[in-house]
Protein backbone atom coordinates (compact mmCIF):
# COMPACT_ATOMS: atom_id res chain seq x y z
CA MET A 1 0.00 0.00 0.00
CA SER A 2 2.83 2.42 0.78
CA THR A 3 4.04 2.27 -2.84
CA VAL A 4 0.57 3.25 -4.04
CA LEU A 5 0.43 6.13 -1.56
CA SER A 6 3.89 7.53 -2.31
CA ASN A 7 2.67 9.41 -5.40
CA PHE A 8 -0.74 11.13 -5.50
CA ASP A 9 -1.33 10.37 -9.20
CA THR A 10 -0.58 6.70 -8.53
CA TRP A 11 -3.04 6.77 -5.62
CA LYS A 12 -5.73 8.36 -7.80
CA HIS A 13 -5.19 5.73 -10.51
CA PHE A 14 -5.37 2.94 -7.93
CA LEU A 15 -8.55 4.40 -6.42
CA SER A 16 -10.05 4.88 -9.89
CA ASP A 17 -9.48 1.19 -10.66
CA ARG A 18 -11.14 0.19 -7.37
CA VAL A 19 -14.14 2.46 -8.03
CA SER A 20 -14.55 0.95 -11.51
CA GLN A 21 -14.40 -2.56 -10.06
CA ALA A 22 -16.99 -1.66 -7.44
CA LYS A 23 -19.34 -0.25 -10.09
CA ASN A 24 -18.88 -3.36 -12.23
CA MET A 25 -19.85 -5.43 -9.19
CA GLY A 26 -23.08 -3.44 -8.96
CA LEU A 27 -22.29 -1.35 -5.88
CA THR A 28 -24.22 1.92 -5.66
CA GLU A 29 -22.60 5.35 -5.54
CA GLU A 30 -23.66 5.64 -1.92
CA THR A 31 -22.03 2.33 -1.01
CA ILE A 32 -18.84 3.30 -2.82
CA SER A 33 -18.75 6.65 -1.02
CA ASN A 34 -19.31 4.91 2.32
CA LEU A 35 -16.41 2.56 1.57
CA ALA A 36 -14.25 5.55 0.63
CA TYR A 37 -15.13 7.10 4.00
CA GLU A 38 -14.06 3.92 5.80
CA ILE A 39 -10.79 3.85 3.84
CA GLY A 40 -10.22 7.51 4.66
CA SER A 41 -10.74 6.79 8.34
CA PHE A 42 -8.28 3.91 8.20
CA LEU A 43 -5.66 5.99 6.38
CA ASP A 44 -6.12 8.86 8.84
CA GLU A 45 -5.49 6.58 11.81
CA LYS A 46 -2.81 4.27 10.42
CA VAL A 47 -0.86 5.94 7.59
CA ASP A 48 1.29 9.06 7.57
CA PRO A 49 0.88 11.34 4.52
CA LYS A 50 3.51 10.63 1.86
CA ASN A 51 3.19 13.83 -0.18
CA ASP A 52 1.81 17.37 -0.12
CA GLU A 53 -1.62 16.41 -1.48
CA GLU A 54 -2.10 13.74 1.17
CA SER A 55 -0.98 16.22 3.85
CA VAL A 56 -3.69 18.66 2.75
CA LEU A 57 -6.31 15.90 2.70
CA LYS A 58 -5.28 14.80 6.20
CA GLN A 59 -5.51 18.37 7.51
CA LEU A 60 -8.99 18.74 6.02
CA TRP A 61 -10.00 15.32 7.38
CA ASP A 62 -8.72 16.20 10.85
CA VAL A 63 -10.70 19.46 11.10
CA GLY A 64 -13.87 18.05 9.54
CA ASP A 65 -16.78 16.50 11.35
CA GLU A 66 -18.31 13.21 10.18
CA SER A 67 -20.49 14.76 7.48
CA GLU A 68 -17.59 16.83 6.16
CA ARG A 69 -15.35 13.76 6.09
CA LYS A 70 -18.02 11.89 4.16
CA ALA A 71 -18.12 14.81 1.71
CA ILE A 72 -14.33 14.61 1.28
CA ALA A 73 -14.58 10.87 0.61
CA SER A 74 -17.40 11.41 -1.87
CA CYS A 75 -15.42 14.12 -3.65
CA MET A 76 -12.40 11.82 -3.92
CA VAL A 77 -14.61 9.20 -5.57
CA LYS A 78 -15.94 11.81 -8.00
CA LEU A 79 -12.42 13.07 -8.67
CA VAL A 80 -11.09 9.67 -9.70
CA ASP A 81 -14.32 8.75 -11.49
CA HIS A 82 -13.93 11.72 -13.81
CA SER A 83 -10.18 11.37 -14.39
C-alpha cells in the first residue's frame, strides 16, 4: 500500500481502478462513497501522509466532522471517477 500512496497520481489511478471494479460489481454510488469514507478513516489513523496532497487531505480530514469527512470521501470518488 505504501508504494501506491507515495505518489498522489498513482493513488488516484489505484482508487479509480477500485471504483470501476466496485461499479462493475453493482455497488451503488452511496455504497462506494461509504467505503471511501471507511478507507479515509483507516488511512487517517494508520498511515502518515507521503506527499503534499495527502498532507492537505489529512488536515482537512482532521478538522472536519463526520459529514464533512463523508463529503471529502465522496469528492475523492468523484475526482477519480472523472479522471
